[in-house]
Amino acid sequence: MKRWWDSAAGVLWRVRALLWWGSPQRALALLQRLRPRHPHDGALLATHAHLLAQSGQLAQACALLQELVGLQPENAAHWFNLGFVQERLGLAAAAEASFRRALALDERLDRAWYGLGLALVAQGRLDEALQALQRNTELQPMSPYAWAQMARIHADRAETEQARRIIRHLQGFEPKVAAQLVRETGLSPTG
């Protein structure tokens, strides 16, 4: 008879306890040992991939996330996580496809719009990147990340007034980010 402790829920509970006690490496070791007993459990697979990514094992995390989206293809968050890891691995075209799939499932997933913008920047498709980043700012107006990326794109394209406008905007709620952009671009907000 199978004990609860060895069930997928039991393994996940044990992993969470190890994480709570500040033992991520032990949690990862537990998953590597016991997750194969539950190959189709999405929560264990997602947790395993997350811990691998956190520990810098991005290629292994990517493989597990690809397995996960195969198991649960209608989960936008899984597609986002796959795109995030692919982008970190420098796989811009693959990341773009994953972010687009996430957005097809949930067009309000602001993080996926930001990730899509980064993937498009990496491919040199700056006009499309600006559109994706703009959509992120519409969904998450107080997050400075997309604003900063847009300012960098405008500055690199010598569109100084657009970059200055964004820097001024950021001064209102993220002055440190605005100051960093001034240092990076050499543009003063007032021109």
C-alpha atoms as a PDB file:
ATOM      1  CA  MET A   1       0.000   0.000   0.000  1.00  0.00           C
ATOM      2  CA  LYS A   2       1.323   3.395  -0.986  1.00  0.00           C
ATOM      3  CA  ARG A   3       1.866   5.857   1.835  1.00  0.00           C
ATOM      4  CA  TRP A   4       0.678   9.472   1.572  1.00  0.00           C
ATOM      5  CA  TRP A   5       4.262  10.557   2.267  1.00  0.00           C
ATOM      6  CA  ASP A   6       5.319   9.066  -1.086  1.00  0.00           C
ATOM      7  CA  SER A   7       2.336  10.389  -3.053  1.00  0.00           C
ATOM      8  CA  ALA A   8       2.799  13.399  -5.341  1.00  0.00           C
ATOM      9  CA  ALA A   9       1.061  15.596  -2.752  1.00  0.00           C
ATOM     10  CA  GLY A  10       3.310  14.209  -0.016  1.00  0.00           C
ATOM     11  CA  VAL A  11       6.465  14.849  -2.033  1.00  0.00           C
ATOM     12  CA  LEU A  12       5.308  18.384  -2.790  1.00  0.00           C
ATOM     13  CA  TRP A  13       4.576  18.990   0.893  1.00  0.00           C
ATOM     14  CA  ARG A  14       8.055  17.722   1.816  1.00  0.00           C
ATOM     15  CA  VAL A  15       9.649  19.985  -0.822  1.00  0.00           C
ATOM     16  CA  ARG A  16       7.757  23.000   0.508  1.00  0.00           C
ATOM     17  CA  ALA A  17       8.842  22.177   4.059  1.00  0.00           C
ATOM     18  CA  LEU A  18      12.480  21.973   2.966  1.00  0.00           C
ATOM     19  CA  LEU A  19      12.157  25.304   1.172  1.00  0.00           C
ATOM     20  CA  TRP A  20      10.526  26.872   4.202  1.00  0.00           C
ATOM     21  CA  TRP A  21      13.454  25.683   6.314  1.00  0.00           C
ATOM     22  CA  GLY A  22      15.899  27.246   3.838  1.00  0.00           C
ATOM     23  CA  SER A  23      17.147  24.035   2.214  1.00  0.00           C
ATOM     24  CA  PRO A  24      16.601  24.490  -1.533  1.00  0.00           C
ATOM     25  CA  GLN A  25      19.383  22.061  -2.452  1.00  0.00           C
ATOM     26  CA  ARG A  26      17.835  19.332  -0.318  1.00  0.00           C
ATOM     27  CA  ALA A  27      14.441  20.088  -1.873  1.00  0.00           C
ATOM     28  CA  LEU A  28      15.976  19.787  -5.341  1.00  0.00           C
ATOM     29  CA  ALA A  29      17.670  16.503  -4.408  1.00  0.00           C
ATOM     30  CA  LEU A  30      14.352  15.163  -3.111  1.00  0.00           C
ATOM     31  CA  LEU A  31      12.626  16.088  -6.368  1.00  0.00           C
ATOM     32  CA  GLN A  32      15.362  14.539  -8.468  1.00  0.00           C
ATOM     33  CA  ARG A  33      15.004  11.328  -6.510  1.00  0.00           C
ATOM     34  CA  LEU A  34      11.211  11.090  -6.177  1.00  0.00           C
ATOM     35  CA  ARG A  35       9.641  13.042  -9.051  1.00  0.00           C
ATOM     36  CA  PRO A  36      10.242  10.198 -11.553  1.00  0.00           C
ATOM     37  CA  ARG A  37       7.715   8.174  -9.530  1.00  0.00           C
ATOM     38  CA  HIS A  38       5.107  10.783 -10.529  1.00  0.00           C
ATOM     39  CA  PRO A  39       6.059  11.651 -14.125  1.00  0.00           C
ATOM     40  CA  HIS A  40       2.708  13.205 -15.028  1.00  0.00           C
ATOM     41  CA  ASP A  41       2.196  15.409 -11.978  1.00  0.00           C
ATOM     42  CA  GLY A  42       2.259  19.000 -13.211  1.00  0.00           C
ATOM     43  CA  ALA A  43       2.834  20.586  -9.814  1.00  0.00           C
ATOM     44  CA  LEU A  44       5.906  18.466  -9.126  1.00  0.00           C
ATOM     45  CA  LEU A  45       7.236  19.044 -12.629  1.00  0.00           C
ATOM     46  CA  ALA A  46       6.724  22.824 -12.349  1.00  0.00           C
ATOM     47  CA  THR A  47       8.351  22.925  -8.918  1.00  0.00           C
ATOM     48  CA  HIS A  48      11.306  20.865 -10.116  1.00  0.00           C
ATOM     49  CA  ALA A  49      11.804  23.140 -13.132  1.00  0.00           C
ATOM     50  CA  HIS A  50      11.547  26.226 -10.925  1.00  0.00           C
ATOM     51  CA  LEU A  51      14.189  24.974  -8.490  1.00  0.00           C
ATOM     52  CA  LEU A  52      16.496  24.002 -11.345  1.00  0.00           C
ATOM     53  CA  ALA A  53      16.156  27.470 -12.864  1.00  0.00           C
ATOM     54  CA  GLN A  54      16.797  29.112  -9.500  1.00  0.00           C
ATOM     55  CA  SER A  55      19.956  27.058  -9.076  1.00  0.00           C
ATOM     56  CA  GLY A  56      21.216  28.137 -12.515  1.00  0.00           C
ATOM     57  CA  GLN A  57      20.554  24.831 -14.250  1.00  0.00           C
ATOM     58  CA  LEU A  58      18.669  26.500 -17.072  1.00  0.00           C
ATOM     59  CA  ALA A  59      19.047  23.830 -19.752  1.00  0.00           C
ATOM     60  CA  GLN A  60      17.631  21.175 -17.443  1.00  0.00           C
ATOM     61  CA  ALA A  61      14.822  23.512 -16.375  1.00  0.00           C
ATOM     62  CA  CYS A  62      14.030  24.209 -20.025  1.00  0.00           C
ATOM     63  CA  ALA A  63      13.731  20.492 -20.773  1.00  0.00           C
ATOM     64  CA  LEU A  64      11.324  19.999 -17.858  1.00  0.00           C
ATOM     65  CA  LEU A  65       9.265  23.032 -18.863  1.00  0.00           C
ATOM     66  CA  GLN A  66       8.970  21.680 -22.404  1.00  0.00           C
ATOM     67  CA  GLU A  67       7.708  18.443 -20.900  1.00  0.00           C
ATOM     68  CA  LEU A  68       5.291  20.430 -18.729  1.00  0.00           C
ATOM     69  CA  VAL A  69       3.745  22.383 -21.611  1.00  0.00           C
ATOM     70  CA  GLY A  70       3.311  19.046 -23.368  1.00  0.00           C
ATOM     71  CA  LEU A  71       1.350  17.778 -20.361  1.00  0.00           C
ATOM     72  CA  GLN A  72      -0.617  20.980 -19.759  1.00  0.00           C
ATOM     73  CA  PRO A  73      -0.630  22.943 -23.038  1.00  0.00           C
ATOM     74  CA  GLU A  74      -3.478  25.254 -21.983  1.00  0.00           C
ATOM     75  CA  ASN A  75      -1.625  26.748 -19.004  1.00  0.00           C
ATOM     76  CA  ALA A  76      -0.384  30.234 -19.914  1.00  0.00           C
ATOM     77  CA  ALA A  77       1.907  30.441 -16.873  1.00  0.00           C
ATOM     78  CA  HIS A  78       3.792  27.323 -17.971  1.00  0.00           C
ATOM     79  CA  TRP A  79       4.359  28.824 -21.425  1.00  0.00           C
ATOM     80  CA  PHE A  80       5.538  32.058 -19.821  1.00  0.00           C
ATOM     81  CA  ASN A  81       8.005  30.172 -17.611  1.00  0.00           C
ATOM     82  CA  LEU A  82       9.325  28.255 -20.622  1.00  0.00           C
ATOM     83  CA  GLY A  83       9.767  31.511 -22.537  1.00  0.00           C
ATOM     84  CA  PHE A  84      11.528  33.107 -19.571  1.00  0.00           C
ATOM     85  CA  VAL A  85      14.064  30.279 -19.360  1.00  0.00           C
ATOM     86  CA  GLN A  86      14.517  30.198 -23.141  1.00  0.00           C
ATOM     87  CA  GLU A  87      15.170  33.940 -23.152  1.00  0.00           C
ATOM     88  CA  ARG A  88      17.760  33.524 -20.383  1.00  0.00           C
ATOM     89  CA  LEU A  89      19.422  30.791 -22.462  1.00  0.00           C
ATOM     90  CA  GLY A  90      19.659  33.177 -25.435  1.00  0.00           C
ATOM     91  CA  LEU A  91      17.043  31.291 -27.456  1.00  0.00           C
ATOM     92  CA  ALA A  92      15.213  34.424 -28.568  1.00  0.00           C
ATOM     93  CA  ALA A  93      13.108  32.892 -31.359  1.00  0.00           C
ATOM     94  CA  ALA A  94      11.993  29.988 -29.154  1.00  0.00           C
ATOM     95  CA  ALA A  95      11.254  32.414 -26.311  1.00  0.00           C
ATOM     96  CA  GLU A  96       9.187  34.554 -28.660  1.00  0.00           C
ATOM     97  CA  ALA A  97       7.115  31.532 -29.670  1.00  0.00           C
ATOM     98  CA  SER A  98       6.546  30.547 -26.028  1.00  0.00           C
ATOM     99  CA  PHE A  99       5.565  34.067 -24.991  1.00  0.00           C
ATOM    100  CA  ARG A 100       3.194  34.318 -27.951  1.00  0.00           C
ATOM    101  CA  ARG A 101       1.594  31.008 -26.926  1.00  0.00           C
ATOM    102  CA  ALA A 102       1.191  32.301 -23.354  1.00  0.00           C
ATOM    103  CA  LEU A 103      -0.457  35.456 -24.687  1.00  0.00           C
ATOM    104  CA  ALA A 104      -2.773  33.473 -26.947  1.00  0.00           C
ATOM    105  CA  LEU A 105      -3.996  31.757 -23.783  1.00  0.00           C
ATOM    106  CA  ASP A 106      -4.078  34.896 -21.606  1.00  0.00           C
ATOM    107  CA  GLU A 107      -3.642  38.233 -23.362  1.00  0.00           C
ATOM    108  CA  ARG A 108      -3.530  40.061 -20.010  1.00  0.00           C
ATOM    109  CA  LEU A 109      -0.388  38.243 -18.829  1.00  0.00           C
ATOM    110  CA  ASP A 110       1.719  41.389 -18.502  1.00  0.00           C
ATOM    111  CA  ARG A 111       4.956  39.497 -17.810  1.00  0.00           C
ATOM    112  CA  ALA A 112       4.593  37.683 -21.128  1.00  0.00           C
ATOM    113  CA  TRP A 113       4.301  41.009 -22.973  1.00  0.00           C
ATOM    114  CA  TYR A 114       7.530  42.138 -21.303  1.00  0.00           C
ATOM    115  CA  GLY A 115       9.269  38.857 -22.123  1.00  0.00           C
ATOM    116  CA  LEU A 116       8.059  39.080 -25.702  1.00  0.00           C
ATOM    117  CA  GLY A 117       9.496  42.582 -25.904  1.00  0.00           C
ATOM    118  CA  LEU A 118      12.898  41.356 -24.690  1.00  0.00           C
ATOM    119  CA  ALA A 119      12.864  38.434 -27.130  1.00  0.00           C
ATOM    120  CA  LEU A 120      12.070  40.806 -29.997  1.00  0.00           C
ATOM    121  CA  VAL A 121      14.828  43.219 -28.919  1.00  0.00           C
ATOM    122  CA  ALA A 122      17.281  40.309 -28.950  1.00  0.00           C
ATOM    123  CA  GLN A 123      16.236  39.606 -32.548  1.00  0.00           C
ATOM    124  CA  GLY A 124      16.621  43.251 -33.572  1.00  0.00           C
ATOM    125  CA  ARG A 125      12.880  43.666 -34.218  1.00  0.00           C
ATOM    126  CA  LEU A 126      12.605  46.935 -32.364  1.00  0.00           C
ATOM    127  CA  ASP A 127       9.307  48.248 -33.725  1.00  0.00           C
ATOM    128  CA  GLU A 128       7.557  45.048 -32.651  1.00  0.00           C
ATOM    129  CA  ALA A 129       9.419  45.139 -29.339  1.00  0.00           C
ATOM    130  CA  LEU A 130       8.143  48.653 -28.654  1.00  0.00           C
ATOM    131  CA  GLN A 131       4.570  47.495 -29.287  1.00  0.00           C
ATOM    132  CA  ALA A 132       4.935  44.550 -26.869  1.00  0.00           C
ATOM    133  CA  LEU A 133       6.594  46.713 -24.215  1.00  0.00           C
ATOM    134  CA  GLN A 134       3.890  49.358 -24.618  1.00  0.00           C
ATOM    135  CA  ARG A 135       1.241  46.702 -24.019  1.00  0.00           C
ATOM    136  CA  ASN A 136       3.101  45.683 -20.840  1.00  0.00           C
ATOM    137  CA  THR A 137       3.010  49.281 -19.585  1.00  0.00           C
ATOM    138  CA  GLU A 138      -0.729  49.446 -20.242  1.00  0.00           C
ATOM    139  CA  LEU A 139      -1.268  46.372 -18.084  1.00  0.00           C
ATOM    140  CA  GLN A 140       1.363  47.246 -15.466  1.00  0.00           C
ATOM    141  CA  PRO A 141       1.807  51.048 -15.576  1.00  0.00           C
ATOM    142  CA  MET A 142       3.818  51.344 -12.347  1.00  0.00           C
ATOM    143  CA  SER A 143       6.442  48.756 -13.258  1.00  0.00           C
ATOM    144  CA  PRO A 144       9.583  50.504 -14.503  1.00  0.00           C
ATOM    145  CA  TYR A 145      11.064  47.632 -16.511  1.00  0.00           C
ATOM    146  CA  ALA A 146       9.221  48.006 -19.806  1.00  0.00           C
ATOM    147  CA  TRP A 147       9.434  51.801 -19.564  1.00  0.00           C
ATOM    148  CA  ALA A 148      13.221  51.560 -19.169  1.00  0.00           C
ATOM    149  CA  GLN A 149      13.550  49.165 -22.105  1.00  0.00           C
ATOM    150  CA  MET A 150      11.506  51.496 -24.301  1.00  0.00           C
ATOM    151  CA  ALA A 151      13.668  54.454 -23.288  1.00  0.00           C
ATOM    152  CA  ARG A 152      16.816  52.491 -24.202  1.00  0.00           C
ATOM    153  CA  ILE A 153      15.391  51.561 -27.602  1.00  0.00           C
ATOM    154  CA  HIS A 154      14.431  55.174 -28.329  1.00  0.00           C
ATOM    155  CA  ALA A 155      17.845  56.436 -27.177  1.00  0.00           C
ATOM    156  CA  ASP A 156      19.662  53.863 -29.327  1.00  0.00           C
ATOM    157  CA  ARG A 157      17.588  54.943 -32.321  1.00  0.00           C
ATOM    158  CA  ALA A 158      18.386  58.623 -31.635  1.00  0.00           C
ATOM    159  CA  GLU A 159      14.716  59.293 -30.839  1.00  0.00           C
ATOM    160  CA  THR A 160      15.762  61.548 -28.000  1.00  0.00           C
ATOM    161  CA  GLU A 161      12.442  63.245 -27.307  1.00  0.00           C
ATOM    162  CA  GLN A 162      10.655  59.909 -26.846  1.00  0.00           C
ATOM    163  CA  ALA A 163      13.439  58.712 -24.527  1.00  0.00           C
ATOM    164  CA  ARG A 164      13.317  61.970 -22.539  1.00  0.00           C
ATOM    165  CA  ARG A 165       9.535  61.721 -22.226  1.00  0.00           C
ATOM    166  CA  ILE A 166       9.878  58.252 -20.692  1.00  0.00           C
ATOM    167  CA  ILE A 167      12.661  59.398 -18.353  1.00  0.00           C
ATOM    168  CA  ARG A 168      10.439  62.260 -17.162  1.00  0.00           C
ATOM    169  CA  HIS A 169       7.587  59.829 -16.666  1.00  0.00           C
ATOM    170  CA  LEU A 170       9.803  57.499 -14.617  1.00  0.00           C
ATOM    171  CA  GLN A 171      10.988  60.392 -12.443  1.00  0.00           C
ATOM    172  CA  GLY A 172       7.452  60.576 -11.103  1.00  0.00           C
ATOM    173  CA  PHE A 173       7.432  57.077  -9.590  1.00  0.00           C
ATOM    174  CA  GLU A 174      10.856  55.453 -10.064  1.00  0.00           C
ATOM    175  CA  PRO A 175      13.475  58.208  -9.734  1.00  0.00           C
ATOM    176  CA  LYS A 176      16.356  55.730  -9.325  1.00  0.00           C
ATOM    177  CA  VAL A 177      15.505  54.049 -12.619  1.00  0.00           C
ATOM    178  CA  ALA A 178      15.187  57.457 -14.281  1.00  0.00           C
ATOM    179  CA  ALA A 179      18.608  58.476 -12.928  1.00  0.00           C
ATOM    180  CA  GLN A 180      20.110  55.208 -14.208  1.00  0.00           C
ATOM    181  CA  LEU A 181      18.681  55.900 -17.666  1.00  0.00           C
ATOM    182  CA  VAL A 182      20.140  59.419 -17.618  1.00  0.00           C
ATOM    183  CA  ARG A 183      23.558  57.884 -16.843  1.00  0.00           C
ATOM    184  CA  GLU A 184      23.183  55.177 -19.486  1.00  0.00           C
ATOM    185  CA  THR A 185      21.860  57.354 -22.299  1.00  0.00           C
ATOM    186  CA  GLY A 186      23.479  60.679 -21.480  1.00  0.00           C
ATOM    187  CA  LEU A 187      20.091  62.331 -21.998  1.00  0.00           C
ATOM    188  CA  SER A 188      18.793  64.839 -19.518  1.00  0.00           C
ATOM    189  CA  PRO A 189      15.043  64.646 -18.953  1.00  0.00           C
ATOM    190  CA  THR A 190      14.528  68.281 -19.872  1.00  0.00           C
ATOM    191  CA  GLY A 191      16.680  68.382 -22.971  1.00  0.00           C
END
